[in-house]
Amino acid sequence: MTDWTTVARAEDVPPGTGRVVNVDGRLVALFNCGGAFHAIDNQCPHRGGPLGKGTVDGQTVVCPWHGWSFDVTTGINVDTGRIRVACFEASVEGGEVQVRVAEGRPAGDP
């Protein structure tokens, strides 16, 4: 899994929102933060909540199940600074959002 995968049209993910996308069978949370796109693992490490369905505030997403918060640019839990979800590269080419999961940082301690 080293190739870029088109996951959405940029216009379909408004600023301040997120969504769950599928990249080669892996669920990824995609966010638009003021026009900059970021992608992290969709599964919250607490209880597996869908981060892509969480509330976005600036560069922070709050898990809809139990309120754990993560910085979408780093994958780091903003409350502890010790827990992390994987981050993936995201880019926009020709109005299409693309994600590459090959370079994701593993979950766990930074």
PDB file of N, CA and C in Angstrom:
ATOM      1  N   MET A   1       0.826  -1.185   0.000  1.00  0.00           N
ATOM      2  CA  MET A   1       0.000   0.000   0.000  1.00  0.00           C
ATOM      3  C   MET A   1       0.875   1.256   0.000  1.00  0.00           C
ATOM      4  N   THR A   2       1.401   1.577  -1.161  1.00  0.00           N
ATOM      5  CA  THR A   2       2.244   2.758  -1.245  1.00  0.00           C
ATOM      6  C   THR A   2       1.654   3.815  -2.159  1.00  0.00           C
ATOM      7  N   ASP A   3       0.569   3.496  -2.832  1.00  0.00           N
ATOM      8  CA  ASP A   3      -0.016   4.423  -3.786  1.00  0.00           C
ATOM      9  C   ASP A   3      -1.027   5.343  -3.129  1.00  0.00           C
ATOM     10  N   TRP A   4      -1.251   6.454  -3.785  1.00  0.00           N
ATOM     11  CA  TRP A   4      -2.284   7.391  -3.348  1.00  0.00           C
ATOM     12  C   TRP A   4      -3.642   6.855  -3.784  1.00  0.00           C
ATOM     13  N   THR A   5      -4.650   7.021  -2.930  1.00  0.00           N
ATOM     14  CA  THR A   5      -6.010   6.591  -3.225  1.00  0.00           C
ATOM     15  C   THR A   5      -6.931   7.802  -3.165  1.00  0.00           C
ATOM     16  N   THR A   6      -7.692   8.021  -4.223  1.00  0.00           N
ATOM     17  CA  THR A   6      -8.673   9.097  -4.223  1.00  0.00           C
ATOM     18  C   THR A   6      -9.836   8.665  -3.336  1.00  0.00           C
ATOM     19  N   VAL A   7     -10.171   9.527  -2.348  1.00  0.00           N
ATOM     20  CA  VAL A   7     -11.189   9.155  -1.366  1.00  0.00           C
ATOM     21  C   VAL A   7     -12.404  10.082  -1.367  1.00  0.00           C
ATOM     22  N   ALA A   8     -12.275  11.268  -1.948  1.00  0.00           N
ATOM     23  CA  ALA A   8     -13.397  12.222  -1.940  1.00  0.00           C
ATOM     24  C   ALA A   8     -13.082  13.385  -2.864  1.00  0.00           C
ATOM     25  N   ARG A   9     -14.109  14.103  -3.221  1.00  0.00           N
ATOM     26  CA  ARG A   9     -13.925  15.398  -3.880  1.00  0.00           C
ATOM     27  C   ARG A   9     -13.750  16.419  -2.767  1.00  0.00           C
ATOM     28  N   ALA A  10     -12.848  17.355  -2.930  1.00  0.00           N
ATOM     29  CA  ALA A  10     -12.588  18.359  -1.897  1.00  0.00           C
ATOM     30  C   ALA A  10     -13.856  19.123  -1.536  1.00  0.00           C
ATOM     31  N   GLU A  11     -14.680  19.412  -2.501  1.00  0.00           N
ATOM     32  CA  GLU A  11     -15.911  20.171  -2.254  1.00  0.00           C
ATOM     33  C   GLU A  11     -16.934  19.399  -1.431  1.00  0.00           C
ATOM     34  N   ASP A  12     -16.767  18.074  -1.353  1.00  0.00           N
ATOM     35  CA  ASP A  12     -17.705  17.250  -0.594  1.00  0.00           C
ATOM     36  C   ASP A  12     -17.350  17.123   0.883  1.00  0.00           C
ATOM     37  N   VAL A  13     -16.213  17.692   1.273  1.00  0.00           N
ATOM     38  CA  VAL A  13     -15.796  17.682   2.683  1.00  0.00           C
ATOM     39  C   VAL A  13     -15.568  19.147   3.081  1.00  0.00           C
ATOM     40  N   PRO A  14     -16.621  19.818   3.539  1.00  0.00           N
ATOM     41  CA  PRO A  14     -16.514  21.240   3.860  1.00  0.00           C
ATOM     42  C   PRO A  14     -15.531  21.500   5.012  1.00  0.00           C
ATOM     43  N   PRO A  15     -14.956  22.699   5.050  1.00  0.00           N
ATOM     44  CA  PRO A  15     -14.067  23.049   6.169  1.00  0.00           C
ATOM     45  C   PRO A  15     -14.772  22.836   7.510  1.00  0.00           C
ATOM     46  N   GLY A  16     -14.017  22.295   8.464  1.00  0.00           N
ATOM     47  CA  GLY A  16     -14.558  22.058   9.797  1.00  0.00           C
ATOM     48  C   GLY A  16     -15.314  20.753   9.940  1.00  0.00           C
ATOM     49  N   THR A  17     -15.183  19.872   8.945  1.00  0.00           N
ATOM     50  CA  THR A  17     -15.880  18.595   9.003  1.00  0.00           C
ATOM     51  C   THR A  17     -14.917  17.433   8.793  1.00  0.00           C
ATOM     52  N   GLY A  18     -15.408  16.248   9.100  1.00  0.00           N
ATOM     53  CA  GLY A  18     -14.662  15.022   8.867  1.00  0.00           C
ATOM     54  C   GLY A  18     -15.585  13.976   8.296  1.00  0.00           C
ATOM     55  N   ARG A  19     -14.980  12.898   7.834  1.00  0.00           N
ATOM     56  CA  ARG A  19     -15.746  11.768   7.328  1.00  0.00           C
ATOM     57  C   ARG A  19     -14.867  10.531   7.353  1.00  0.00           C
ATOM     58  N   VAL A  20     -15.515   9.383   7.303  1.00  0.00           N
ATOM     59  CA  VAL A  20     -14.808   8.109   7.263  1.00  0.00           C
ATOM     60  C   VAL A  20     -14.665   7.711   5.800  1.00  0.00           C
ATOM     61  N   VAL A  21     -13.440   7.356   5.397  1.00  0.00           N
ATOM     62  CA  VAL A  21     -13.186   6.910   4.031  1.00  0.00           C
ATOM     63  C   VAL A  21     -12.457   5.569   4.071  1.00  0.00           C
ATOM     64  N   ASN A  22     -12.522   4.856   2.965  1.00  0.00           N
ATOM     65  CA  ASN A  22     -11.878   3.556   2.855  1.00  0.00           C
ATOM     66  C   ASN A  22     -10.649   3.687   1.967  1.00  0.00           C
ATOM     67  N   VAL A  23      -9.490   3.306   2.497  1.00  0.00           N
ATOM     68  CA  VAL A  23      -8.252   3.321   1.727  1.00  0.00           C
ATOM     69  C   VAL A  23      -7.708   1.898   1.712  1.00  0.00           C
ATOM     70  N   ASP A  24      -7.884   1.229   0.589  1.00  0.00           N
ATOM     71  CA  ASP A  24      -7.400  -0.150   0.436  1.00  0.00           C
ATOM     72  C   ASP A  24      -7.870  -1.053   1.572  1.00  0.00           C
ATOM     73  N   GLY A  25      -9.133  -0.922   1.966  1.00  0.00           N
ATOM     74  CA  GLY A  25      -9.700  -1.771   3.005  1.00  0.00           C
ATOM     75  C   GLY A  25      -9.483  -1.276   4.421  1.00  0.00           C
ATOM     76  N   ARG A  26      -8.795  -0.171   4.585  1.00  0.00           N
ATOM     77  CA  ARG A  26      -8.554   0.389   5.920  1.00  0.00           C
ATOM     78  C   ARG A  26      -9.423   1.633   6.097  1.00  0.00           C
ATOM     79  N   LEU A  27     -10.146   1.713   7.233  1.00  0.00           N
ATOM     80  CA  LEU A  27     -10.976   2.883   7.497  1.00  0.00           C
ATOM     81  C   LEU A  27     -10.105   4.005   8.051  1.00  0.00           C
ATOM     82  N   VAL A  28     -10.204   5.157   7.391  1.00  0.00           N
ATOM     83  CA  VAL A  28      -9.401   6.329   7.716  1.00  0.00           C
ATOM     84  C   VAL A  28     -10.341   7.498   7.965  1.00  0.00           C
ATOM     85  N   ALA A  29     -10.003   8.327   8.951  1.00  0.00           N
ATOM     86  CA  ALA A  29     -10.769   9.539   9.231  1.00  0.00           C
ATOM     87  C   ALA A  29     -10.128  10.689   8.464  1.00  0.00           C
ATOM     88  N   LEU A  30     -10.899  11.340   7.622  1.00  0.00           N
ATOM     89  CA  LEU A  30     -10.423  12.448   6.793  1.00  0.00           C
ATOM     90  C   LEU A  30     -11.050  13.738   7.291  1.00  0.00           C
ATOM     91  N   PHE A  31     -10.228  14.787   7.441  1.00  0.00           N
ATOM     92  CA  PHE A  31     -10.710  16.063   7.966  1.00  0.00           C
ATOM     93  C   PHE A  31     -10.274  17.211   7.072  1.00  0.00           C
ATOM     94  N   ASN A  32     -11.140  18.224   6.984  1.00  0.00           N
ATOM     95  CA  ASN A  32     -10.829  19.465   6.295  1.00  0.00           C
ATOM     96  C   ASN A  32     -10.739  20.554   7.355  1.00  0.00           C
ATOM     97  N   CYS A  33      -9.542  21.024   7.592  1.00  0.00           N
ATOM     98  CA  CYS A  33      -9.304  22.085   8.587  1.00  0.00           C
ATOM     99  C   CYS A  33      -8.927  23.355   7.836  1.00  0.00           C
ATOM    100  N   GLY A  34      -9.927  24.170   7.546  1.00  0.00           N
ATOM    101  CA  GLY A  34      -9.676  25.430   6.849  1.00  0.00           C
ATOM    102  C   GLY A  34      -9.085  25.265   5.471  1.00  0.00           C
ATOM    103  N   GLY A  35      -9.437  24.188   4.788  1.00  0.00           N
ATOM    104  CA  GLY A  35      -8.922  23.945   3.445  1.00  0.00           C
ATOM    105  C   GLY A  35      -7.726  23.009   3.394  1.00  0.00           C
ATOM    106  N   ALA A  36      -7.132  22.712   4.530  1.00  0.00           N
ATOM    107  CA  ALA A  36      -6.028  21.749   4.603  1.00  0.00           C
ATOM    108  C   ALA A  36      -6.593  20.395   5.027  1.00  0.00           C
ATOM    109  N   PHE A  37      -6.273  19.362   4.280  1.00  0.00           N
ATOM    110  CA  PHE A  37      -6.802  18.034   4.564  1.00  0.00           C
ATOM    111  C   PHE A  37      -5.802  17.208   5.372  1.00  0.00           C
ATOM    112  N   HIS A  38      -6.354  16.463   6.333  1.00  0.00           N
ATOM    113  CA  HIS A  38      -5.547  15.615   7.219  1.00  0.00           C
ATOM    114  C   HIS A  38      -6.248  14.274   7.351  1.00  0.00           C
ATOM    115  N   ALA A  39      -5.451  13.220   7.517  1.00  0.00           N
ATOM    116  CA  ALA A  39      -6.010  11.874   7.644  1.00  0.00           C
ATOM    117  C   ALA A  39      -5.347  11.152   8.810  1.00  0.00           C
ATOM    118  N   ILE A  40      -6.178  10.512   9.632  1.00  0.00           N
ATOM    119  CA  ILE A  40      -5.690   9.720  10.759  1.00  0.00           C
ATOM    120  C   ILE A  40      -6.467   8.410  10.790  1.00  0.00           C
ATOM    121  N   ASP A  41      -5.980   7.471  11.586  1.00  0.00           N
ATOM    122  CA  ASP A  41      -6.701   6.213  11.765  1.00  0.00           C
ATOM    123  C   ASP A  41      -8.098   6.534  12.289  1.00  0.00           C
ATOM    124  N   ASN A  42      -9.097   5.861  11.771  1.00  0.00           N
ATOM    125  CA  ASN A  42     -10.475   6.137  12.175  1.00  0.00           C
ATOM    126  C   ASN A  42     -10.824   5.591  13.550  1.00  0.00           C
ATOM    127  N   GLN A  43     -10.092   4.603  14.023  1.00  0.00           N
ATOM    128  CA  GLN A  43     -10.460   3.910  15.260  1.00  0.00           C
ATOM    129  C   GLN A  43      -9.815   4.555  16.489  1.00  0.00           C
ATOM    130  N   CYS A  44     -10.656   5.080  17.378  1.00  0.00           N
ATOM    131  CA  CYS A  44     -10.171   5.636  18.642  1.00  0.00           C
ATOM    132  C   CYS A  44      -9.598   4.492  19.480  1.00  0.00           C
ATOM    133  N   PRO A  45      -8.409   4.679  20.068  1.00  0.00           N
ATOM    134  CA  PRO A  45      -7.804   3.604  20.848  1.00  0.00           C
ATOM    135  C   PRO A  45      -8.520   3.300  22.163  1.00  0.00           C
ATOM    136  N   HIS A  46      -9.427   4.160  22.578  1.00  0.00           N
ATOM    137  CA  HIS A  46     -10.134   3.931  23.838  1.00  0.00           C
ATOM    138  C   HIS A  46     -11.095   2.763  23.726  1.00  0.00           C
ATOM    139  N   ARG A  47     -12.094   2.880  22.863  1.00  0.00           N
ATOM    140  CA  ARG A  47     -13.099   1.833  22.696  1.00  0.00           C
ATOM    141  C   ARG A  47     -13.470   1.617  21.225  1.00  0.00           C
ATOM    142  N   GLY A  48     -12.638   2.120  20.317  1.00  0.00           N
ATOM    143  CA  GLY A  48     -12.871   1.882  18.897  1.00  0.00           C
ATOM    144  C   GLY A  48     -13.858   2.804  18.234  1.00  0.00           C
ATOM    145  N   GLY A  49     -14.161   3.930  18.859  1.00  0.00           N
ATOM    146  CA  GLY A  49     -15.114   4.877  18.276  1.00  0.00           C
ATOM    147  C   GLY A  49     -14.637   5.408  16.936  1.00  0.00           C
ATOM    148  N   PRO A  50     -15.577   5.804  16.067  1.00  0.00           N
ATOM    149  CA  PRO A  50     -15.245   6.301  14.728  1.00  0.00           C
ATOM    150  C   PRO A  50     -14.840   7.778  14.755  1.00  0.00           C
ATOM    151  N   LEU A  51     -13.552   8.053  14.739  1.00  0.00           N
ATOM    152  CA  LEU A  51     -13.079   9.436  14.830  1.00  0.00           C
ATOM    153  C   LEU A  51     -13.568  10.289  13.667  1.00  0.00           C
ATOM    154  N   GLY A  52     -13.746   9.698  12.507  1.00  0.00           N
ATOM    155  CA  GLY A  52     -14.225  10.446  11.342  1.00  0.00           C
ATOM    156  C   GLY A  52     -15.648  10.962  11.492  1.00  0.00           C
ATOM    157  N   LYS A  53     -16.364  10.479  12.492  1.00  0.00           N
ATOM    158  CA  LYS A  53     -17.724  10.951  12.765  1.00  0.00           C
ATOM    159  C   LYS A  53     -17.765  11.877  13.973  1.00  0.00           C
ATOM    160  N   GLY A  54     -16.587  12.239  14.484  1.00  0.00           N
ATOM    161  CA  GLY A  54     -16.513  13.103  15.656  1.00  0.00           C
ATOM    162  C   GLY A  54     -16.703  14.569  15.321  1.00  0.00           C
ATOM    163  N   THR A  55     -16.792  15.370  16.362  1.00  0.00           N
ATOM    164  CA  THR A  55     -16.923  16.816  16.227  1.00  0.00           C
ATOM    165  C   THR A  55     -15.549  17.427  16.020  1.00  0.00           C
ATOM    166  N   VAL A  56     -15.437  18.324  15.038  1.00  0.00           N
ATOM    167  CA  VAL A  56     -14.167  18.970  14.719  1.00  0.00           C
ATOM    168  C   VAL A  56     -14.190  20.395  15.246  1.00  0.00           C
ATOM    169  N   ASP A  57     -13.116  20.767  15.950  1.00  0.00           N
ATOM    170  CA  ASP A  57     -12.946  22.128  16.456  1.00  0.00           C
ATOM    171  C   ASP A  57     -11.518  22.553  16.140  1.00  0.00           C
ATOM    172  N   GLY A  58     -11.365  23.365  15.101  1.00  0.00           N
ATOM    173  CA  GLY A  58     -10.023  23.739  14.666  1.00  0.00           C
ATOM    174  C   GLY A  58      -9.309  22.519  14.117  1.00  0.00           C
ATOM    175  N   GLN A  59      -8.221  22.120  14.776  1.00  0.00           N
ATOM    176  CA  GLN A  59      -7.457  20.942  14.367  1.00  0.00           C
ATOM    177  C   GLN A  59      -7.660  19.771  15.324  1.00  0.00           C
ATOM    178  N   THR A  60      -8.722  19.821  16.112  1.00  0.00           N
ATOM    179  CA  THR A  60      -8.992  18.775  17.086  1.00  0.00           C
ATOM    180  C   THR A  60     -10.302  18.071  16.743  1.00  0.00           C
ATOM    181  N   VAL A  61     -10.279  16.743  16.838  1.00  0.00           N
ATOM    182  CA  VAL A  61     -11.504  15.966  16.683  1.00  0.00           C
ATOM    183  C   VAL A  61     -11.798  15.297  18.019  1.00  0.00           C
ATOM    184  N   VAL A  62     -13.081  15.283  18.377  1.00  0.00           N
ATOM    185  CA  VAL A  62     -13.525  14.652  19.617  1.00  0.00           C
ATOM    186  C   VAL A  62     -14.283  13.385  19.243  1.00  0.00           C
ATOM    187  N   CYS A  63     -13.834  12.256  19.782  1.00  0.00           N
ATOM    188  CA  CYS A  63     -14.477  10.976  19.506  1.00  0.00           C
ATOM    189  C   CYS A  63     -15.945  11.040  19.944  1.00  0.00           C
ATOM    190  N   PRO A  64     -16.854  10.618  19.070  1.00  0.00           N
ATOM    191  CA  PRO A  64     -18.276  10.715  19.412  1.00  0.00           C
ATOM    192  C   PRO A  64     -18.733   9.736  20.494  1.00  0.00           C
ATOM    193  N   TRP A  65     -17.936   8.740  20.810  1.00  0.00           N
ATOM    194  CA  TRP A  65     -18.362   7.749  21.796  1.00  0.00           C
ATOM    195  C   TRP A  65     -18.055   8.157  23.227  1.00  0.00           C
ATOM    196  N   HIS A  66     -16.838   8.586  23.511  1.00  0.00           N
ATOM    197  CA  HIS A  66     -16.469   8.858  24.898  1.00  0.00           C
ATOM    198  C   HIS A  66     -15.664  10.139  25.097  1.00  0.00           C
ATOM    199  N   GLY A  67     -15.550  10.962  24.069  1.00  0.00           N
ATOM    200  CA  GLY A  67     -14.974  12.281  24.231  1.00  0.00           C
ATOM    201  C   GLY A  67     -13.462  12.397  24.200  1.00  0.00           C
ATOM    202  N   TRP A  68     -12.751  11.356  23.817  1.00  0.00           N
ATOM    203  CA  TRP A  68     -11.299  11.493  23.693  1.00  0.00           C
ATOM    204  C   TRP A  68     -11.008  12.440  22.533  1.00  0.00           C
ATOM    205  N   SER A  69     -10.010  13.318  22.688  1.00  0.00           N
ATOM    206  CA  SER A  69      -9.699  14.331  21.684  1.00  0.00           C
ATOM    207  C   SER A  69      -8.323  14.097  21.072  1.00  0.00           C
ATOM    208  N   PHE A  70      -8.241  14.283  19.756  1.00  0.00           N
ATOM    209  CA  PHE A  70      -6.992  14.078  19.034  1.00  0.00           C
ATOM    210  C   PHE A  70      -6.713  15.246  18.097  1.00  0.00           C
ATOM    211  N   ASP A  71      -5.442  15.616  17.990  1.00  0.00           N
ATOM    212  CA  ASP A  71      -4.994  16.601  17.015  1.00  0.00           C
ATOM    213  C   ASP A  71      -4.937  15.885  15.669  1.00  0.00           C
ATOM    214  N   VAL A  72      -5.699  16.350  14.696  1.00  0.00           N
ATOM    215  CA  VAL A  72      -5.759  15.656  13.411  1.00  0.00           C
ATOM    216  C   VAL A  72      -4.489  15.832  12.595  1.00  0.00           C
ATOM    217  N   THR A  73      -3.630  16.770  12.965  1.00  0.00           N
ATOM    218  CA  THR A  73      -2.381  16.976  12.226  1.00  0.00           C
ATOM    219  C   THR A  73      -1.259  16.074  12.718  1.00  0.00           C
ATOM    220  N   THR A  74      -1.375  15.571  13.953  1.00  0.00           N
ATOM    221  CA  THR A  74      -0.318  14.732  14.531  1.00  0.00           C
ATOM    222  C   THR A  74      -0.813  13.370  14.990  1.00  0.00           C
ATOM    223  N   GLY A  75      -2.120  13.255  15.223  1.00  0.00           N
ATOM    224  CA  GLY A  75      -2.688  12.019  15.758  1.00  0.00           C
ATOM    225  C   GLY A  75      -2.543  11.894  17.264  1.00  0.00           C
ATOM    226  N   ILE A  76      -1.987  12.903  17.915  1.00  0.00           N
ATOM    227  CA  ILE A  76      -1.722  12.840  19.352  1.00  0.00           C
ATOM    228  C   ILE A  76      -2.968  13.219  20.155  1.00  0.00           C
ATOM    229  N   ASN A  77      -3.235  12.448  21.213  1.00  0.00           N
ATOM    230  CA  ASN A  77      -4.320  12.751  22.136  1.00  0.00           C
ATOM    231  C   ASN A  77      -3.993  14.070  22.831  1.00  0.00           C
ATOM    232  N   VAL A  78      -4.879  15.050  22.722  1.00  0.00           N
ATOM    233  CA  VAL A  78      -4.590  16.382  23.256  1.00  0.00           C
ATOM    234  C   VAL A  78      -4.690  16.453  24.773  1.00  0.00           C
ATOM    235  N   ASP A  79      -5.305  15.460  25.392  1.00  0.00           N
ATOM    236  CA  ASP A  79      -5.442  15.465  26.845  1.00  0.00           C
ATOM    237  C   ASP A  79      -4.218  14.890  27.549  1.00  0.00           C
ATOM    238  N   THR A  80      -3.641  13.827  26.975  1.00  0.00           N
ATOM    239  CA  THR A  80      -2.511  13.167  27.634  1.00  0.00           C
ATOM    240  C   THR A  80      -1.182  13.440  26.956  1.00  0.00           C
ATOM    241  N   GLY A  81      -1.206  13.640  25.634  1.00  0.00           N
ATOM    242  CA  GLY A  81       0.039  13.812  24.895  1.00  0.00           C
ATOM    243  C   GLY A  81       0.820  12.515  24.733  1.00  0.00           C
ATOM    244  N   ARG A  82       0.316  11.439  25.278  1.00  0.00           N
ATOM    245  CA  ARG A  82       1.046  10.163  25.216  1.00  0.00           C
ATOM    246  C   ARG A  82       0.432   9.158  24.275  1.00  0.00           C
ATOM    247  N   ILE A  83      -0.834   9.259  24.024  1.00  0.00           N
ATOM    248  CA  ILE A  83      -1.528   8.295  23.166  1.00  0.00           C
ATOM    249  C   ILE A  83      -1.622   8.889  21.770  1.00  0.00           C
ATOM    250  N   ARG A  84      -1.444   8.031  20.772  1.00  0.00           N
ATOM    251  CA  ARG A  84      -1.437   8.521  19.390  1.00  0.00           C
ATOM    252  C   ARG A  84      -2.152   7.523  18.492  1.00  0.00           C
ATOM    253  N   VAL A  85      -2.841   8.070  17.495  1.00  0.00           N
ATOM    254  CA  VAL A  85      -3.353   7.244  16.409  1.00  0.00           C
ATOM    255  C   VAL A  85      -2.486   7.529  15.189  1.00  0.00           C
ATOM    256  N   ALA A  86      -2.471   6.593  14.260  1.00  0.00           N
ATOM    257  CA  ALA A  86      -1.648   6.743  13.064  1.00  0.00           C
ATOM    258  C   ALA A  86      -2.117   7.931  12.222  1.00  0.00           C
ATOM    259  N   CYS A  87      -1.140   8.638  11.641  1.00  0.00           N
ATOM    260  CA  CYS A  87      -1.393   9.745  10.710  1.00  0.00           C
ATOM    261  C   CYS A  87      -0.997   9.291   9.314  1.00  0.00           C
ATOM    262  N   PHE A  88      -1.703   9.820   8.326  1.00  0.00           N
ATOM    263  CA  PHE A  88      -1.415   9.463   6.949  1.00  0.00           C
ATOM    264  C   PHE A  88      -1.306  10.724   6.107  1.00  0.00           C
ATOM    265  N   GLU A  89      -0.609  10.622   5.000  1.00  0.00           N
ATOM    266  CA  GLU A  89      -0.470  11.756   4.092  1.00  0.00           C
ATOM    267  C   GLU A  89      -1.785  11.988   3.359  1.00  0.00           C
ATOM    268  N   ALA A  90      -2.139  13.252   3.195  1.00  0.00           N
ATOM    269  CA  ALA A  90      -3.329  13.630   2.426  1.00  0.00           C
ATOM    270  C   ALA A  90      -2.951  14.794   1.516  1.00  0.00           C
ATOM    271  N   SER A  91      -3.503  14.799   0.318  1.00  0.00           N
ATOM    272  CA  SER A  91      -3.243  15.896  -0.614  1.00  0.00           C
ATOM    273  C   SER A  91      -4.470  16.094  -1.496  1.00  0.00           C
ATOM    274  N   VAL A  92      -4.496  17.225  -2.182  1.00  0.00           N
ATOM    275  CA  VAL A  92      -5.576  17.518  -3.115  1.00  0.00           C
ATOM    276  C   VAL A  92      -4.951  17.706  -4.488  1.00  0.00           C
ATOM    277  N   GLU A  93      -5.427  16.930  -5.439  1.00  0.00           N
ATOM    278  CA  GLU A  93      -4.963  17.009  -6.824  1.00  0.00           C
ATOM    279  C   GLU A  93      -6.179  17.140  -7.725  1.00  0.00           C
ATOM    280  N   GLY A  94      -6.259  18.236  -8.452  1.00  0.00           N
ATOM    281  CA  GLY A  94      -7.381  18.415  -9.373  1.00  0.00           C
ATOM    282  C   GLY A  94      -8.729  18.366  -8.693  1.00  0.00           C
ATOM    283  N   GLY A  95      -8.810  18.853  -7.454  1.00  0.00           N
ATOM    284  CA  GLY A  95     -10.070  18.870  -6.727  1.00  0.00           C
ATOM    285  C   GLY A  95     -10.416  17.560  -6.049  1.00  0.00           C
ATOM    286  N   GLU A  96      -9.548  16.562  -6.183  1.00  0.00           N
ATOM    287  CA  GLU A  96      -9.785  15.269  -5.544  1.00  0.00           C
ATOM    288  C   GLU A  96      -8.847  15.093  -4.359  1.00  0.00           C
ATOM    289  N   VAL A  97      -9.405  14.639  -3.244  1.00  0.00           N
ATOM    290  CA  VAL A  97      -8.599  14.387  -2.048  1.00  0.00           C
ATOM    291  C   VAL A  97      -8.034  12.981  -2.150  1.00  0.00           C
ATOM    292  N   GLN A  98      -6.735  12.885  -1.935  1.00  0.00           N
ATOM    293  CA  GLN A  98      -6.055  11.597  -1.996  1.00  0.00           C
ATOM    294  C   GLN A  98      -5.355  11.330  -0.669  1.00  0.00           C
ATOM    295  N   VAL A  99      -5.317  10.062  -0.294  1.00  0.00           N
ATOM    296  CA  VAL A  99      -4.667   9.646   0.949  1.00  0.00           C
ATOM    297  C   VAL A  99      -3.723   8.499   0.636  1.00  0.00           C
ATOM    298  N   ARG A 100      -2.590   8.497   1.318  1.00  0.00           N
ATOM    299  CA  ARG A 100      -1.626   7.396   1.203  1.00  0.00           C
ATOM    300  C   ARG A 100      -1.370   6.856   2.596  1.00  0.00           C
ATOM    301  N   VAL A 101      -1.643   5.579   2.811  1.00  0.00           N
ATOM    302  CA  VAL A 101      -1.516   4.998   4.137  1.00  0.00           C
ATOM    303  C   VAL A 101      -0.149   4.380   4.409  1.00  0.00           C
ATOM    304  N   ALA A 102       0.711   4.288   3.429  1.00  0.00           N
ATOM    305  CA  ALA A 102       2.007   3.620   3.605  1.00  0.00           C
ATOM    306  C   ALA A 102       2.895   4.282   4.639  1.00  0.00           C
ATOM    307  N   GLU A 103       2.786   5.585   4.817  1.00  0.00           N
ATOM    308  CA  GLU A 103       3.677   6.303   5.712  1.00  0.00           C
ATOM    309  C   GLU A 103       3.050   6.623   7.060  1.00  0.00           C
ATOM    310  N   GLY A 104       1.988   5.950   7.412  1.00  0.00           N
ATOM    311  CA  GLY A 104       1.313   6.229   8.681  1.00  0.00           C
ATOM    312  C   GLY A 104       2.191   5.956   9.878  1.00  0.00           C
ATOM    313  N   ARG A 105       2.109   6.842  10.862  1.00  0.00           N
ATOM    314  CA  ARG A 105       2.823   6.622  12.121  1.00  0.00           C
ATOM    315  C   ARG A 105       2.022   5.669  12.973  1.00  0.00           C
ATOM    316  N   PRO A 106       2.667   4.690  13.595  1.00  0.00           N
ATOM    317  CA  PRO A 106       1.923   3.707  14.397  1.00  0.00           C
ATOM    318  C   PRO A 106       1.297   4.332  15.634  1.00  0.00           C
ATOM    319  N   ALA A 107       0.186   3.710  16.071  1.00  0.00           N
ATOM    320  CA  ALA A 107      -0.447   4.146  17.305  1.00  0.00           C
ATOM    321  C   ALA A 107       0.457   3.810  18.472  1.00  0.00           C
ATOM    322  N   GLY A 108       0.269   4.481  19.578  1.00  0.00           N
ATOM    323  CA  GLY A 108       1.066   4.220  20.779  1.00  0.00           C
ATOM    324  C   GLY A 108       1.762   5.461  21.247  1.00  0.00           C
ATOM    325  N   ASP A 109       2.779   5.298  22.055  1.00  0.00           N
ATOM    326  CA  ASP A 109       3.524   6.435  22.586  1.00  0.00           C
ATOM    327  C   ASP A 109       4.293   7.113  21.474  1.00  0.00           C
ATOM    328  N   PRO A 110       4.365   8.471  21.497  1.00  0.00           N
ATOM    329  CA  PRO A 110       5.096   9.200  20.453  1.00  0.00           C
ATOM    330  C   PRO A 110       6.587   8.948  20.537  1.00  0.00           C
TER     331      PRO A 110
END
